[in-house]
Amino acid sequence: MPTFQKELLVSLLSQKYGLDCKIGLEDDISKNKKYFKKWLLNNNAGFITVQNSTIEYIGFEDVVRLGPFYNVYCLIENNNIFENNDGYSLLNSFPYYEIIDGKLKNLGWSKSILANMLTNDVEIYEFFSKNIDKESVRKICVKAANFGIVIETQIWEPSEFSEIYPLISKIGFHINQLLSEKFRNDL
């Protein structure tokens, strides 16, 4: 199986979006975030760190089913989140949609307090509408994890992630906005 081309993705993200990113090393993971190794190091493909984005890490996992593809895990750090806390499971969100004659007719997000923000975002709707034929768009989901949130999808090539990065970033924006409001209100 070919190794994921992290160098190519770093180059694409830097050139297309001006991101400050690099291939990640184990030392790049915060000492108190050992749990992140599950998403970033327990696979053969490795990860990328991102400095000026709505997400901090992008991890990859090699998968072989009917050909090689990669699970992608985009992590947003937050020390207050624990996946076994039922309250944070309300951040989990999955898209649902209706396609008629090959065109997106309805789009919504299920299961979460985040869902309303994602459903009402015009840019997210337009991105889905233009790219609903891409598996990487249809497979996107959001899950609470220990010390963060994971935006997950599947891709075949690094360029495919580069193409959907604006969608990932917009979802990350809403997650960060929601979490900052929640914790500001809790103080």
C-alpha atoms as a PDB file:
ATOM      1  CA  MET A   1       0.000   0.000   0.000  1.00  0.00           C
ATOM      2  CA  PRO A   2       1.394   3.434  -0.861  1.00  0.00           C
ATOM      3  CA  THR A   3       2.314   5.695   2.046  1.00  0.00           C
ATOM      4  CA  PHE A   4       0.195   8.813   2.500  1.00  0.00           C
ATOM      5  CA  GLN A   5       1.944  11.767   0.849  1.00  0.00           C
ATOM      6  CA  LYS A   6       2.097  14.162   3.794  1.00  0.00           C
ATOM      7  CA  GLU A   7       4.688  16.370   2.074  1.00  0.00           C
ATOM      8  CA  LEU A   8       2.308  16.927  -0.838  1.00  0.00           C
ATOM      9  CA  LEU A   9      -0.575  17.834   1.475  1.00  0.00           C
ATOM     10  CA  VAL A  10       1.594  20.261   3.479  1.00  0.00           C
ATOM     11  CA  SER A  11       2.559  21.919   0.200  1.00  0.00           C
ATOM     12  CA  LEU A  12      -1.048  22.077  -1.068  1.00  0.00           C
ATOM     13  CA  LEU A  13      -2.413  23.530   2.188  1.00  0.00           C
ATOM     14  CA  SER A  14       0.415  26.068   2.390  1.00  0.00           C
ATOM     15  CA  GLN A  15       0.083  27.198  -1.227  1.00  0.00           C
ATOM     16  CA  LYS A  16      -3.721  27.220  -1.558  1.00  0.00           C
ATOM     17  CA  TYR A  17      -4.693  28.522   1.883  1.00  0.00           C
ATOM     18  CA  GLY A  18      -1.548  30.081   3.357  1.00  0.00           C
ATOM     19  CA  LEU A  19      -1.526  27.627   6.259  1.00  0.00           C
ATOM     20  CA  ASP A  20       1.511  27.244   8.486  1.00  0.00           C
ATOM     21  CA  CYS A  21       1.703  23.449   8.662  1.00  0.00           C
ATOM     22  CA  LYS A  22       4.366  20.761   8.889  1.00  0.00           C
ATOM     23  CA  ILE A  23       4.715  17.020   9.192  1.00  0.00           C
ATOM     24  CA  GLY A  24       4.087  16.141  12.818  1.00  0.00           C
ATOM     25  CA  LEU A  25       6.435  14.369  15.196  1.00  0.00           C
ATOM     26  CA  GLU A  26       5.540  12.682  18.469  1.00  0.00           C
ATOM     27  CA  ASP A  27       7.021  15.644  20.379  1.00  0.00           C
ATOM     28  CA  ASP A  28       4.466  17.938  18.673  1.00  0.00           C
ATOM     29  CA  ILE A  29       1.682  16.332  20.713  1.00  0.00           C
ATOM     30  CA  SER A  30       1.197  18.056  24.073  1.00  0.00           C
ATOM     31  CA  LYS A  31       2.458  15.934  26.965  1.00  0.00           C
ATOM     32  CA  ASN A  32      -0.939  16.118  28.662  1.00  0.00           C
ATOM     33  CA  LYS A  33      -2.706  15.079  25.442  1.00  0.00           C
ATOM     34  CA  LYS A  34      -1.422  11.495  25.212  1.00  0.00           C
ATOM     35  CA  TYR A  35      -4.916  10.484  24.181  1.00  0.00           C
ATOM     36  CA  PHE A  36      -4.348  12.277  20.850  1.00  0.00           C
ATOM     37  CA  LYS A  37      -1.878   9.544  19.924  1.00  0.00           C
ATOM     38  CA  LYS A  38      -4.924   7.372  19.232  1.00  0.00           C
ATOM     39  CA  TRP A  39      -5.808   9.677  16.325  1.00  0.00           C
ATOM     40  CA  LEU A  40      -2.324  10.730  15.266  1.00  0.00           C
ATOM     41  CA  LEU A  41       0.206   7.944  15.922  1.00  0.00           C
ATOM     42  CA  ASN A  42      -1.659   4.615  16.050  1.00  0.00           C
ATOM     43  CA  ASN A  43      -1.479   4.260  12.300  1.00  0.00           C
ATOM     44  CA  ASN A  44       1.111   4.093   9.562  1.00  0.00           C
ATOM     45  CA  ALA A  45       0.326   7.352   7.791  1.00  0.00           C
ATOM     46  CA  GLY A  46       1.247   9.901  10.490  1.00  0.00           C
ATOM     47  CA  PHE A  47      -0.052  13.433  10.950  1.00  0.00           C
ATOM     48  CA  ILE A  48       0.376  17.123  10.193  1.00  0.00           C
ATOM     49  CA  THR A  49       0.329  20.034  12.651  1.00  0.00           C
ATOM     50  CA  VAL A  50      -1.396  23.279  11.664  1.00  0.00           C
ATOM     51  CA  GLN A  51      -0.658  26.601  13.393  1.00  0.00           C
ATOM     52  CA  ASN A  52      -3.004  29.203  11.882  1.00  0.00           C
ATOM     53  CA  SER A  53      -6.238  27.306  11.380  1.00  0.00           C
ATOM     54  CA  THR A  54      -9.437  26.321  13.156  1.00  0.00           C
ATOM     55  CA  ILE A  55      -7.899  22.848  13.630  1.00  0.00           C
ATOM     56  CA  GLU A  56      -4.569  21.933  15.261  1.00  0.00           C
ATOM     57  CA  TYR A  57      -3.800  18.455  13.925  1.00  0.00           C
ATOM     58  CA  ILE A  58      -4.646  16.377  10.859  1.00  0.00           C
ATOM     59  CA  GLY A  59      -4.074  12.637  11.357  1.00  0.00           C
ATOM     60  CA  PHE A  60      -4.234   9.916   8.706  1.00  0.00           C
ATOM     61  CA  GLU A  61      -4.940   6.206   8.895  1.00  0.00           C
ATOM     62  CA  ASP A  62      -4.290   3.738   6.063  1.00  0.00           C
ATOM     63  CA  VAL A  63      -7.318   1.575   5.285  1.00  0.00           C
ATOM     64  CA  VAL A  64      -7.585  -1.155   2.669  1.00  0.00           C
ATOM     65  CA  ARG A  65     -11.064  -2.141   1.494  1.00  0.00           C
ATOM     66  CA  LEU A  66     -11.622  -2.486  -2.231  1.00  0.00           C
ATOM     67  CA  GLY A  67      -8.462  -0.448  -2.648  1.00  0.00           C
ATOM     68  CA  PRO A  68      -6.460   1.860  -0.383  1.00  0.00           C
ATOM     69  CA  PHE A  69      -8.017   4.947   1.155  1.00  0.00           C
ATOM     70  CA  TYR A  70      -7.346   7.003   4.262  1.00  0.00           C
ATOM     71  CA  ASN A  71      -9.384   7.946   7.291  1.00  0.00           C
ATOM     72  CA  VAL A  72      -8.659  11.562   8.187  1.00  0.00           C
ATOM     73  CA  TYR A  73      -8.944  12.944  11.731  1.00  0.00           C
ATOM     74  CA  CYS A  74      -8.883  16.738  12.188  1.00  0.00           C
ATOM     75  CA  LEU A  75      -8.449  17.586  15.878  1.00  0.00           C
ATOM     76  CA  ILE A  76      -9.441  20.726  17.738  1.00  0.00           C
ATOM     77  CA  GLU A  77      -7.942  20.856  21.240  1.00  0.00           C
ATOM     78  CA  ASN A  78     -10.094  21.711  24.246  1.00  0.00           C
ATOM     79  CA  ASN A  79      -9.101  20.729  27.783  1.00  0.00           C
ATOM     80  CA  ASN A  80     -12.702  20.749  29.017  1.00  0.00           C
ATOM     81  CA  ILE A  81     -14.096  18.016  26.764  1.00  0.00           C
ATOM     82  CA  PHE A  82     -14.351  14.335  27.677  1.00  0.00           C
ATOM     83  CA  GLU A  83     -15.986  11.814  25.381  1.00  0.00           C
ATOM     84  CA  ASN A  84     -17.589   9.851  28.223  1.00  0.00           C
ATOM     85  CA  ASN A  85     -19.446  12.974  29.430  1.00  0.00           C
ATOM     86  CA  ASP A  86     -22.975  12.751  28.028  1.00  0.00           C
ATOM     87  CA  GLY A  87     -23.154  16.530  27.747  1.00  0.00           C
ATOM     88  CA  TYR A  88     -20.313  16.589  25.250  1.00  0.00           C
ATOM     89  CA  SER A  89     -21.868  13.857  23.147  1.00  0.00           C
ATOM     90  CA  LEU A  90     -24.273  16.650  22.180  1.00  0.00           C
ATOM     91  CA  LEU A  91     -21.432  17.989  20.022  1.00  0.00           C
ATOM     92  CA  ASN A  92     -21.464  14.863  17.837  1.00  0.00           C
ATOM     93  CA  SER A  93     -22.952  15.680  14.457  1.00  0.00           C
ATOM     94  CA  PHE A  94     -23.556  13.860  11.184  1.00  0.00           C
ATOM     95  CA  PRO A  95     -24.869  15.280   7.908  1.00  0.00           C
ATOM     96  CA  TYR A  96     -28.082  13.988   6.411  1.00  0.00           C
ATOM     97  CA  TYR A  97     -29.208  14.983   2.967  1.00  0.00           C
ATOM     98  CA  GLU A  98     -31.639  14.292   0.178  1.00  0.00           C
ATOM     99  CA  ILE A  99     -30.435  14.033  -3.402  1.00  0.00           C
ATOM    100  CA  ILE A 100     -32.921  14.232  -6.267  1.00  0.00           C
ATOM    101  CA  ASP A 101     -31.749  13.826  -9.869  1.00  0.00           C
ATOM    102  CA  GLY A 102     -28.137  14.080  -8.735  1.00  0.00           C
ATOM    103  CA  LYS A 103     -28.655  17.416  -6.979  1.00  0.00           C
ATOM    104  CA  LEU A 104     -28.750  18.253  -3.293  1.00  0.00           C
ATOM    105  CA  LYS A 105     -32.288  19.196  -2.243  1.00  0.00           C
ATOM    106  CA  ASN A 106     -32.036  19.146   1.556  1.00  0.00           C
ATOM    107  CA  LEU A 107     -29.132  19.216   3.994  1.00  0.00           C
ATOM    108  CA  GLY A 108     -29.207  19.026   7.748  1.00  0.00           C
ATOM    109  CA  TRP A 109     -27.006  17.890  10.615  1.00  0.00           C
ATOM    110  CA  SER A 110     -28.210  15.473  13.247  1.00  0.00           C
ATOM    111  CA  LYS A 111     -27.882  14.867  16.958  1.00  0.00           C
ATOM    112  CA  SER A 112     -26.270  17.978  18.353  1.00  0.00           C
ATOM    113  CA  ILE A 113     -26.288  21.522  19.618  1.00  0.00           C
ATOM    114  CA  LEU A 114     -23.750  22.164  16.856  1.00  0.00           C
ATOM    115  CA  ALA A 115     -26.225  20.917  14.220  1.00  0.00           C
ATOM    116  CA  ASN A 116     -28.239  24.130  14.066  1.00  0.00           C
ATOM    117  CA  MET A 117     -25.131  26.220  13.357  1.00  0.00           C
ATOM    118  CA  LEU A 118     -23.968  23.848  10.613  1.00  0.00           C
ATOM    119  CA  THR A 119     -27.431  23.506   9.058  1.00  0.00           C
ATOM    120  CA  ASN A 120     -27.939  27.281   8.856  1.00  0.00           C
ATOM    121  CA  ASP A 121     -24.506  28.070   7.396  1.00  0.00           C
ATOM    122  CA  VAL A 122     -24.984  29.084   3.747  1.00  0.00           C
ATOM    123  CA  GLU A 123     -21.323  28.397   2.843  1.00  0.00           C
ATOM    124  CA  ILE A 124     -21.551  24.842   4.183  1.00  0.00           C
ATOM    125  CA  TYR A 125     -24.793  24.244   2.275  1.00  0.00           C
ATOM    126  CA  GLU A 126     -23.289  25.609  -0.961  1.00  0.00           C
ATOM    127  CA  PHE A 127     -20.124  23.522  -0.518  1.00  0.00           C
ATOM    128  CA  PHE A 128     -22.194  20.367  -0.015  1.00  0.00           C
ATOM    129  CA  SER A 129     -24.383  21.286  -2.982  1.00  0.00           C
ATOM    130  CA  LYS A 130     -21.397  21.671  -5.327  1.00  0.00           C
ATOM    131  CA  ASN A 131     -19.507  18.639  -3.975  1.00  0.00           C
ATOM    132  CA  ILE A 132     -22.161  16.111  -2.906  1.00  0.00           C
ATOM    133  CA  ASP A 133     -20.760  13.646  -5.444  1.00  0.00           C
ATOM    134  CA  LYS A 134     -17.507  13.432  -3.425  1.00  0.00           C
ATOM    135  CA  GLU A 135     -17.343  10.674  -0.843  1.00  0.00           C
ATOM    136  CA  SER A 136     -15.034  12.827   1.294  1.00  0.00           C
ATOM    137  CA  VAL A 137     -17.865  15.352   1.695  1.00  0.00           C
ATOM    138  CA  ARG A 138     -20.613  12.797   2.338  1.00  0.00           C
ATOM    139  CA  LYS A 139     -18.507  10.977   4.999  1.00  0.00           C
ATOM    140  CA  ILE A 140     -17.775  14.029   7.183  1.00  0.00           C
ATOM    141  CA  CYS A 141     -18.814  13.752  10.826  1.00  0.00           C
ATOM    142  CA  VAL A 142     -18.005  15.499  14.108  1.00  0.00           C
ATOM    143  CA  LYS A 143     -17.294  13.602  17.350  1.00  0.00           C
ATOM    144  CA  ALA A 144     -16.349  14.611  20.875  1.00  0.00           C
ATOM    145  CA  ALA A 145     -13.113  13.026  22.102  1.00  0.00           C
ATOM    146  CA  ASN A 146     -11.036  13.338  25.251  1.00  0.00           C
ATOM    147  CA  PHE A 147      -9.522  16.847  25.286  1.00  0.00           C
ATOM    148  CA  GLY A 148     -10.970  17.825  21.930  1.00  0.00           C
ATOM    149  CA  ILE A 149     -13.281  17.455  18.976  1.00  0.00           C
ATOM    150  CA  VAL A 150     -12.570  15.296  15.918  1.00  0.00           C
ATOM    151  CA  ILE A 151     -13.829  16.135  12.436  1.00  0.00           C
ATOM    152  CA  GLU A 152     -13.564  12.867  10.540  1.00  0.00           C
ATOM    153  CA  THR A 153     -13.788  11.929   6.854  1.00  0.00           C
ATOM    154  CA  GLN A 154     -12.272   9.586   4.259  1.00  0.00           C
ATOM    155  CA  ILE A 155     -10.108  10.437   1.247  1.00  0.00           C
ATOM    156  CA  TRP A 156      -8.247   8.657  -1.531  1.00  0.00           C
ATOM    157  CA  GLU A 157      -5.598  11.310  -2.310  1.00  0.00           C
ATOM    158  CA  PRO A 158      -3.994  14.313  -0.543  1.00  0.00           C
ATOM    159  CA  SER A 159      -5.452  16.654  -3.176  1.00  0.00           C
ATOM    160  CA  GLU A 160      -8.929  15.491  -2.163  1.00  0.00           C
ATOM    161  CA  PHE A 161      -8.375  16.759   1.390  1.00  0.00           C
ATOM    162  CA  SER A 162      -7.008  20.018   0.024  1.00  0.00           C
ATOM    163  CA  GLU A 163     -10.245  20.463  -1.947  1.00  0.00           C
ATOM    164  CA  ILE A 164     -12.491  19.937   1.094  1.00  0.00           C
ATOM    165  CA  TYR A 165     -10.328  21.913   3.542  1.00  0.00           C
ATOM    166  CA  PRO A 166     -12.608  25.004   3.324  1.00  0.00           C
ATOM    167  CA  LEU A 167     -15.515  22.850   4.552  1.00  0.00           C
ATOM    168  CA  ILE A 168     -13.425  21.346   7.378  1.00  0.00           C
ATOM    169  CA  SER A 169     -12.236  24.827   8.367  1.00  0.00           C
ATOM    170  CA  LYS A 170     -15.782  26.225   8.411  1.00  0.00           C
ATOM    171  CA  ILE A 171     -16.986  23.353  10.601  1.00  0.00           C
ATOM    172  CA  GLY A 172     -13.982  23.989  12.877  1.00  0.00           C
ATOM    173  CA  PHE A 173     -14.913  27.668  13.048  1.00  0.00           C
ATOM    174  CA  HIS A 174     -18.411  26.812  14.305  1.00  0.00           C
ATOM    175  CA  ILE A 175     -17.035  24.319  16.833  1.00  0.00           C
ATOM    176  CA  ASN A 176     -14.612  26.909  18.225  1.00  0.00           C
ATOM    177  CA  GLN A 177     -17.340  29.548  18.315  1.00  0.00           C
ATOM    178  CA  LEU A 178     -19.752  27.234  20.126  1.00  0.00           C
ATOM    179  CA  LEU A 179     -17.148  26.108  22.663  1.00  0.00           C
ATOM    180  CA  SER A 180     -15.985  29.648  23.414  1.00  0.00           C
ATOM    181  CA  GLU A 181     -19.611  30.731  23.987  1.00  0.00           C
ATOM    182  CA  LYS A 182     -20.327  27.695  26.166  1.00  0.00           C
ATOM    183  CA  PHE A 183     -17.301  28.163  28.413  1.00  0.00           C
ATOM    184  CA  ARG A 184     -17.732  31.938  28.553  1.00  0.00           C
ATOM    185  CA  ASN A 185     -21.317  31.386  29.740  1.00  0.00           C
ATOM    186  CA  ASP A 186     -20.209  28.799  32.319  1.00  0.00           C
ATOM    187  CA  LEU A 187     -17.875  31.257  34.080  1.00  0.00           C
END
